[in-house]
Amino acid sequence: MLTYLCRKCHHKLLSVLGRQRSRPQRWSSSASVGRISIAGQRLRGLSVVFYGSDEFSLETLKLLNRDFAGQTTGDQSIEPLITRLDVVLSSELNVIARFAAQHRLTAHRFPYELPADTYDIGVVSSFGHLIPKRAISACRLGMLNIHGSLLPRWRGAAPVNYAVLNADAITGITVMRIKPKKFDVGDIVCQMEYRIPDRITAKELKHLLAPIGAQLLWKCLLDLDNHLNNAKPQPNEGITYEWSTMTATDIDRRFRAFDGFIDVYTHWTDGTRVRLHDMVSPEVVSTLELDRLCGGREPSPGFVYYHKKRRIVCVQCAANTWSAFGSLAPKGHKQISAHQFNNGFIKRAVNPVVLGQQMT
């Protein structure tokens, strides 16, 4: 169920949710979720591993640490919900690393192989890396991700930026279960809507959404059994991919605007980030009769075709237009030619190849 929120009342919401923590929570579960009451044993809480990288994720880590450090409530009779809090870092120089060091939290550098039987649940917020399947499986209850949009809209990186760029009236926060090998496709645990104020920047909006995401995650943890048992698959409608909403001309403008300043990239079918280079003029690509060359297939936006004669990788965009690139740089690889990318990626993929993540 979606909760509607406007800018004027979001601080009131945070205050209300914060007070909920001060109420004693009763937990009874054979799966040992949250604070557990088992005859003859002491109450124990959640062992949490946190993945984050920026100011948006820092809000969640601060809230988790307040409980872990016993600072959430002045009632000393209420034990903290979180009894272990470790952090996985994407960099040792970001705000998460500094916070972990300041508060003496155990930190590990990604990729870190989580030990078995150590963590109850993982929490991921604005981390920027696919979490390995073994890490997800190592957490007894799996992992939750805090995403800055109302999934399935704006999957992938920079959801707040795309909401502003596309003049969305409403955005929000989604807490979802993480599935291996894919970005932002897991079951929805809970969501909250937020009306986007007029003339707001993406930076300002992200700042406003960060504490809402933290509190929504906390609300899920306080009633974790119920939320996990009632998680719902993402609906198919409303999914937004940039290949389907932008024409080749739109993408060409974006490429020329950002190339050399900000990486322009897409995601391969397994979620691997692929930087795009050497974009071919849309006017030239439009003369290649790519629809005919596809051999009777009916390509959809995101469909990938390698043009052997031109040695370019072509991707179908909105309005039956095509973008093409002369070289690409998959994450972990140097920049390679379209011919090399075809041999190393396209030929090895299940045909037909359709990119499932947005271009940014």
Protein backbone atom coordinates (compact mmCIF):
# COMPACT_ATOMS: atom_id res chain seq x y z
CA MET A 1 0.00 0.00 0.00
CA LEU A 2 1.29 3.45 -0.90
CA THR A 3 1.24 6.30 1.59
CA TYR A 4 0.91 9.81 0.17
CA LEU A 5 3.33 12.42 1.48
CA CYS A 6 3.93 16.07 0.67
CA ARG A 7 6.94 18.18 1.47
CA LYS A 8 5.24 20.12 4.29
CA CYS A 9 4.38 17.01 6.31
CA HIS A 10 7.35 14.73 5.73
CA HIS A 11 9.12 15.99 8.86
CA LYS A 12 6.00 15.18 10.88
CA LEU A 13 6.08 11.66 9.49
CA LEU A 14 9.70 11.21 10.53
CA SER A 15 8.83 12.34 14.04
CA VAL A 16 5.90 9.93 14.30
CA LEU A 17 7.90 6.99 13.00
CA GLY A 18 10.74 7.85 15.35
CA ARG A 19 8.41 7.70 18.36
CA GLN A 20 7.25 4.23 17.34
CA ARG A 21 10.66 2.90 18.25
CA SER A 22 10.17 3.81 21.91
CA ARG A 23 7.28 1.38 22.25
CA PRO A 24 8.19 -2.16 23.37
CA GLN A 25 7.91 -4.60 20.46
CA ARG A 26 6.67 -8.12 20.97
CA TRP A 27 8.26 -10.70 18.72
CA SER A 28 7.38 -14.34 18.46
CA SER A 29 8.62 -16.25 15.46
CA SER A 30 9.95 -19.69 14.71
CA ALA A 31 12.16 -18.06 12.09
CA SER A 32 13.86 -15.94 14.76
CA VAL A 33 13.08 -12.63 13.12
CA GLY A 34 13.91 -9.43 14.98
CA ARG A 35 13.86 -9.49 18.77
CA ILE A 36 12.92 -13.06 19.64
CA SER A 37 11.32 -14.52 22.71
CA ILE A 38 12.18 -18.19 23.19
CA ALA A 39 11.43 -19.99 26.42
CA GLY A 40 14.49 -20.21 28.64
CA GLN A 41 16.62 -17.94 26.42
CA ARG A 42 17.44 -14.25 26.51
CA LEU A 43 15.95 -11.81 24.04
CA ARG A 44 18.26 -11.13 21.13
CA GLY A 45 18.08 -8.74 18.21
CA LEU A 46 19.10 -8.47 14.60
CA SER A 47 22.61 -8.89 13.27
CA VAL A 48 22.82 -6.45 10.35
CA VAL A 49 25.37 -5.89 7.58
CA PHE A 50 25.04 -2.53 5.80
CA TYR A 51 26.14 -1.60 2.25
CA GLY A 52 26.25 2.11 1.35
CA SER A 53 28.35 4.77 -0.36
CA ASP A 54 26.93 8.31 -0.14
CA GLU A 55 24.90 10.91 1.77
CA PHE A 56 21.63 9.23 0.84
CA SER A 57 22.70 5.93 2.40
CA LEU A 58 24.34 7.69 5.34
CA GLU A 59 20.93 8.65 6.75
CA THR A 60 20.01 4.98 7.05
CA LEU A 61 23.33 4.03 8.62
CA LYS A 62 22.96 6.84 11.17
CA LEU A 63 19.53 5.57 12.20
CA LEU A 64 20.69 1.95 12.47
CA ASN A 65 23.71 3.01 14.50
CA ARG A 66 21.59 5.06 16.90
CA ASP A 67 19.72 1.91 17.86
CA PHE A 68 22.88 -0.22 17.88
CA ALA A 69 24.54 2.29 20.21
CA GLY A 70 21.48 2.41 22.44
CA GLN A 71 20.62 6.02 21.59
CA THR A 72 17.17 5.56 20.02
CA THR A 73 15.22 5.73 23.27
CA GLY A 74 15.89 6.87 26.78
CA ASP A 75 14.07 3.83 28.15
CA GLN A 76 16.95 1.63 29.28
CA SER A 77 14.56 -1.30 29.83
CA ILE A 78 14.12 -1.67 26.08
CA GLU A 79 17.01 -3.53 24.51
CA PRO A 80 18.26 -2.34 21.12
CA LEU A 81 16.73 -4.07 18.13
CA ILE A 82 20.15 -4.32 16.47
CA THR A 83 22.83 -6.23 18.33
CA ARG A 84 25.45 -6.28 15.59
CA LEU A 85 26.09 -3.70 12.86
CA ASP A 86 28.90 -4.16 10.34
CA VAL A 87 29.54 -2.10 7.20
CA VAL A 88 30.72 -3.01 3.70
CA LEU A 89 32.44 -0.16 1.86
CA SER A 90 32.72 0.59 -1.84
CA SER A 91 35.56 3.01 -1.01
CA GLU A 92 37.63 3.85 2.02
CA LEU A 93 37.31 7.57 1.25
CA ASN A 94 33.53 8.13 1.17
CA VAL A 95 31.19 9.39 3.90
CA ILE A 96 30.20 5.86 4.93
CA ALA A 97 33.83 4.94 5.58
CA ARG A 98 34.35 8.10 7.63
CA PHE A 99 31.20 7.48 9.69
CA ALA A 100 32.14 3.84 10.32
CA ALA A 101 35.61 4.88 11.52
CA GLN A 102 34.24 7.67 13.71
CA HIS A 103 31.76 5.33 15.41
CA ARG A 104 34.11 2.35 15.50
CA LEU A 105 31.92 0.12 13.37
CA THR A 106 33.52 -2.97 11.87
CA ALA A 107 34.04 -2.24 8.18
CA HIS A 108 35.03 -4.40 5.22
CA ARG A 109 36.02 -3.41 1.68
CA PHE A 110 33.81 -4.69 -1.16
CA PRO A 111 33.90 -7.37 -2.44
CA TYR A 112 33.73 -8.99 0.99
CA GLU A 113 32.61 -12.58 1.36
CA LEU A 114 30.16 -12.66 4.23
CA PRO A 115 30.77 -15.50 6.69
CA ALA A 116 27.93 -17.97 7.10
CA ASP A 117 25.65 -17.87 10.15
CA THR A 118 26.75 -14.34 11.08
CA TYR A 119 24.12 -11.91 9.80
CA ASP A 120 20.33 -12.02 10.00
CA ILE A 121 19.75 -9.46 7.28
CA GLY A 122 21.60 -7.18 4.90
CA VAL A 123 20.61 -3.56 4.19
CA VAL A 124 21.69 -1.91 0.95
CA SER A 125 21.29 1.77 0.09
CA SER A 126 22.78 3.58 -2.90
CA PHE A 127 25.71 1.17 -3.14
CA GLY A 128 26.25 1.00 -6.89
CA HIS A 129 27.38 -2.63 -7.13
CA LEU A 130 25.53 -5.87 -7.72
CA ILE A 131 25.58 -7.84 -4.49
CA PRO A 132 26.93 -11.38 -5.08
CA LYS A 133 24.49 -14.25 -4.70
CA ARG A 134 26.65 -15.85 -2.03
CA ALA A 135 26.48 -12.70 0.07
CA ILE A 136 22.69 -12.53 -0.21
CA SER A 137 22.41 -16.21 0.73
CA ALA A 138 24.76 -15.74 3.69
CA CYS A 139 22.17 -13.45 5.34
CA ARG A 140 19.55 -15.64 6.99
CA LEU A 141 16.66 -13.43 5.90
CA GLY A 142 18.24 -12.11 2.70
CA MET A 143 18.85 -8.45 1.94
CA LEU A 144 16.71 -5.32 1.67
CA ASN A 145 17.43 -2.41 -0.64
CA ILE A 146 16.27 1.20 -0.18
CA HIS A 147 15.55 2.61 -3.64
CA GLY A 148 14.78 6.25 -4.40
CA SER A 149 11.71 5.74 -6.60
CA LEU A 150 8.37 3.98 -6.68
CA LEU A 151 9.48 0.78 -8.35
CA PRO A 152 9.06 -0.45 -10.97
CA ARG A 153 9.48 3.14 -12.22
CA TRP A 154 13.09 4.26 -12.60
CA ARG A 155 14.95 1.06 -11.96
CA GLY A 156 18.72 1.28 -11.95
CA ALA A 157 21.05 4.14 -11.12
CA ALA A 158 20.06 7.78 -10.46
CA PRO A 159 16.27 7.33 -9.96
CA VAL A 160 15.95 10.76 -8.31
CA ASN A 161 17.69 12.46 -11.24
CA TYR A 162 15.40 10.77 -13.75
CA ALA A 163 12.30 11.73 -11.78
CA VAL A 164 13.33 15.41 -12.02
CA LEU A 165 14.52 15.12 -15.61
CA ASN A 166 11.18 13.68 -16.73
CA ALA A 167 9.07 16.16 -14.73
CA ASP A 168 7.45 13.48 -12.56
CA ALA A 169 4.87 14.91 -10.16
CA ILE A 170 5.28 12.12 -7.62
CA THR A 171 8.20 9.94 -6.64
CA GLY A 172 8.92 8.06 -3.43
CA ILE A 173 10.85 5.34 -1.67
CA THR A 174 10.72 1.58 -2.15
CA VAL A 175 12.11 -1.00 0.24
CA MET A 176 12.56 -4.20 -1.73
CA ARG A 177 14.14 -7.62 -1.41
CA ILE A 178 17.34 -8.05 -3.39
CA LYS A 179 17.59 -10.73 -6.04
CA PRO A 180 20.98 -11.90 -7.34
CA LYS A 181 22.35 -10.84 -10.72
CA LYS A 182 19.73 -8.12 -11.29
CA PHE A 183 19.24 -4.50 -10.27
CA ASP A 184 15.95 -3.48 -8.64
CA VAL A 185 13.70 -6.38 -9.66
CA GLY A 186 13.01 -7.97 -6.26
CA ASP A 187 9.70 -8.14 -4.40
CA ILE A 188 8.39 -4.87 -2.94
CA VAL A 189 8.34 -4.91 0.87
CA CYS A 190 6.91 -1.42 1.39
CA GLN A 191 6.64 1.93 -0.40
CA MET A 192 5.90 5.56 0.36
CA GLU A 193 4.93 8.29 -2.11
CA TYR A 194 6.33 11.81 -2.07
CA ARG A 195 5.07 14.76 -4.10
CA ILE A 196 7.92 16.51 -5.89
CA PRO A 197 7.95 20.27 -5.17
CA ASP A 198 8.08 22.67 -8.10
CA ARG A 199 11.51 23.76 -9.32
CA ILE A 200 13.38 21.44 -6.96
CA THR A 201 16.78 20.13 -7.99
CA ALA A 202 17.68 16.45 -7.91
CA LYS A 203 20.22 17.17 -5.20
CA GLU A 204 17.58 18.82 -3.01
CA LEU A 205 15.07 16.04 -3.65
CA LYS A 206 17.58 13.34 -2.81
CA HIS A 207 18.33 15.16 0.45
CA LEU A 208 14.62 15.15 1.33
CA LEU A 209 14.12 11.49 0.42
CA ALA A 210 17.13 10.18 2.37
CA PRO A 211 15.61 10.36 5.89
CA ILE A 212 12.28 9.06 4.57
CA GLY A 213 14.08 6.03 3.18
CA ALA A 214 15.82 5.47 6.50
CA GLN A 215 12.60 5.65 8.49
CA LEU A 216 10.71 3.43 6.04
CA LEU A 217 13.44 0.81 6.37
CA TRP A 218 13.24 1.10 10.15
CA LYS A 219 9.49 0.64 10.04
CA CYS A 220 10.06 -2.59 8.07
CA LEU A 221 12.60 -3.86 10.61
CA LEU A 222 10.23 -3.25 13.51
CA ASP A 223 7.68 -5.60 11.93
CA LEU A 224 10.01 -7.64 9.75
CA ASP A 225 8.12 -10.93 9.84
CA ASN A 226 4.93 -9.31 8.60
CA HIS A 227 6.58 -7.22 5.90
CA LEU A 228 8.65 -10.07 4.47
CA ASN A 229 5.68 -12.43 4.43
CA ASN A 230 3.58 -9.86 2.59
CA ALA A 231 6.15 -8.71 0.04
CA LYS A 232 4.68 -8.45 -3.46
CA PRO A 233 6.29 -8.98 -6.89
CA GLN A 234 6.80 -5.81 -8.87
CA PRO A 235 4.09 -5.11 -11.44
CA ASN A 236 5.07 -5.12 -15.08
CA GLU A 237 3.34 -1.86 -15.91
CA GLY A 238 5.05 1.43 -15.24
CA ILE A 239 8.60 0.17 -15.80
CA THR A 240 10.71 2.97 -17.24
CA TYR A 241 13.80 2.28 -19.32
CA GLU A 242 15.61 5.08 -21.04
CA TRP A 243 15.93 3.13 -24.29
CA SER A 244 12.14 3.08 -24.50
CA THR A 245 11.53 6.72 -23.61
CA MET A 246 14.29 8.46 -25.57
CA THR A 247 14.82 8.65 -29.31
CA ALA A 248 18.24 8.38 -30.93
CA THR A 249 18.32 12.16 -31.23
CA ASP A 250 17.58 12.55 -27.51
CA ILE A 251 20.38 10.15 -26.64
CA ASP A 252 22.77 11.88 -29.05
CA ARG A 253 22.11 15.20 -27.31
CA ARG A 254 22.68 13.64 -23.91
CA PHE A 255 25.86 11.98 -25.12
CA ARG A 256 27.24 15.24 -26.47
CA ALA A 257 26.24 17.08 -23.30
CA PHE A 258 27.84 14.63 -20.86
CA ASP A 259 30.66 12.95 -22.81
CA GLY A 260 33.97 13.89 -21.24
CA PHE A 261 32.31 15.12 -18.04
CA ILE A 262 30.12 12.27 -16.81
CA ASP A 263 30.20 8.65 -17.93
CA VAL A 264 27.39 7.74 -20.30
CA TYR A 265 26.55 4.10 -19.74
CA THR A 266 23.95 1.35 -19.90
CA HIS A 267 23.62 -2.00 -18.15
CA TRP A 268 24.22 -5.32 -19.85
CA THR A 269 21.74 -8.19 -19.40
CA ASP A 270 23.49 -9.40 -16.23
CA GLY A 271 23.58 -5.92 -14.70
CA THR A 272 27.19 -5.15 -15.68
CA ARG A 273 27.70 -1.44 -16.26
CA VAL A 274 28.90 -0.66 -19.80
CA ARG A 275 30.24 2.79 -20.68
CA LEU A 276 29.32 4.00 -24.16
CA HIS A 277 31.87 5.68 -26.43
CA ASP A 278 32.21 6.96 -30.00
CA MET A 279 28.53 7.52 -30.72
CA VAL A 280 27.66 7.49 -34.42
CA SER A 281 25.54 10.31 -35.82
CA PRO A 282 21.82 9.36 -35.75
CA GLU A 283 21.54 10.63 -39.33
CA VAL A 284 24.14 8.10 -40.46
CA VAL A 285 22.55 5.27 -38.47
CA SER A 286 19.13 6.02 -39.97
CA THR A 287 20.48 5.10 -43.43
CA LEU A 288 21.55 1.58 -42.43
CA GLU A 289 18.12 -0.10 -42.74
CA LEU A 290 18.59 -1.86 -39.43
CA ASP A 291 15.00 -3.08 -39.24
CA ARG A 292 15.56 -5.04 -42.46
CA LEU A 293 18.92 -6.34 -41.30
CA CYS A 294 17.35 -7.78 -38.16
CA GLY A 295 16.04 -10.58 -40.35
CA GLY A 296 12.30 -10.34 -39.84
CA ARG A 297 12.50 -9.89 -36.07
CA GLU A 298 10.41 -7.22 -34.44
CA PRO A 299 12.98 -5.46 -32.26
CA SER A 300 11.86 -3.49 -29.23
CA PRO A 301 13.69 -0.66 -27.41
CA GLY A 302 16.90 -1.99 -25.91
CA PHE A 303 17.36 -4.57 -28.69
CA VAL A 304 21.06 -4.95 -29.55
CA TYR A 305 22.36 -5.57 -33.08
CA TYR A 306 25.97 -5.71 -34.24
CA HIS A 307 26.52 -4.22 -37.70
CA LYS A 308 29.40 -6.24 -39.15
CA LYS A 309 30.18 -3.97 -42.09
CA ARG A 310 30.23 -0.76 -40.05
CA ARG A 311 31.61 -2.50 -36.96
CA ILE A 312 29.25 -0.69 -34.62
CA VAL A 313 26.93 -1.84 -31.82
CA CYS A 314 23.38 -0.63 -32.48
CA VAL A 315 20.61 -0.32 -29.88
CA GLN A 316 17.00 0.38 -30.74
CA CYS A 317 15.49 3.43 -29.02
CA ALA A 318 12.04 5.01 -28.86
CA ALA A 319 10.02 5.79 -32.00
CA ASN A 320 11.77 3.01 -33.92
CA THR A 321 15.07 4.92 -33.99
CA TRP A 322 18.54 3.47 -33.44
CA SER A 323 21.67 4.60 -31.59
CA ALA A 324 25.07 3.17 -32.45
CA PHE A 325 28.48 3.15 -30.76
CA GLY A 326 31.95 2.42 -32.06
CA SER A 327 33.47 1.36 -28.76
CA LEU A 328 32.36 0.37 -25.28
CA ALA A 329 33.92 -0.22 -21.86
CA PRO A 330 32.34 -2.95 -19.70
CA LYS A 331 33.08 -2.59 -16.01
CA GLY A 332 36.38 -4.23 -15.21
CA HIS A 333 37.56 -3.92 -18.82
CA LYS A 334 39.38 -1.25 -20.74
CA GLN A 335 37.63 0.49 -23.62
CA ILE A 336 37.21 -2.03 -26.45
CA SER A 337 35.99 -1.80 -30.03
CA ALA A 338 32.45 -2.70 -30.98
CA HIS A 339 33.90 -5.72 -32.83
CA GLN A 340 35.58 -6.95 -29.64
CA PHE A 341 32.41 -6.30 -27.64
CA ASN A 342 30.43 -8.36 -30.12
CA ASN A 343 32.81 -11.30 -29.74
CA GLY A 344 33.07 -11.06 -25.97
CA PHE A 345 29.51 -10.19 -24.99
CA ILE A 346 26.86 -10.22 -27.72
CA LYS A 347 27.79 -13.61 -29.19
CA ARG A 348 27.89 -15.16 -25.73
CA ALA A 349 24.49 -13.83 -24.68
CA VAL A 350 21.14 -15.49 -25.19
CA ASN A 351 19.66 -14.13 -28.41
CA PRO A 352 18.00 -11.80 -28.99
CA VAL A 353 19.81 -9.44 -26.64
CA VAL A 354 17.54 -6.79 -25.10
CA LEU A 355 19.03 -4.39 -22.59
CA GLY A 356 16.91 -4.32 -19.47
CA GLN A 357 18.40 -1.33 -17.67
CA GLN A 358 18.20 2.35 -18.36
CA MET A 359 20.80 4.37 -20.18
CA THR A 360 22.22 7.26 -18.20
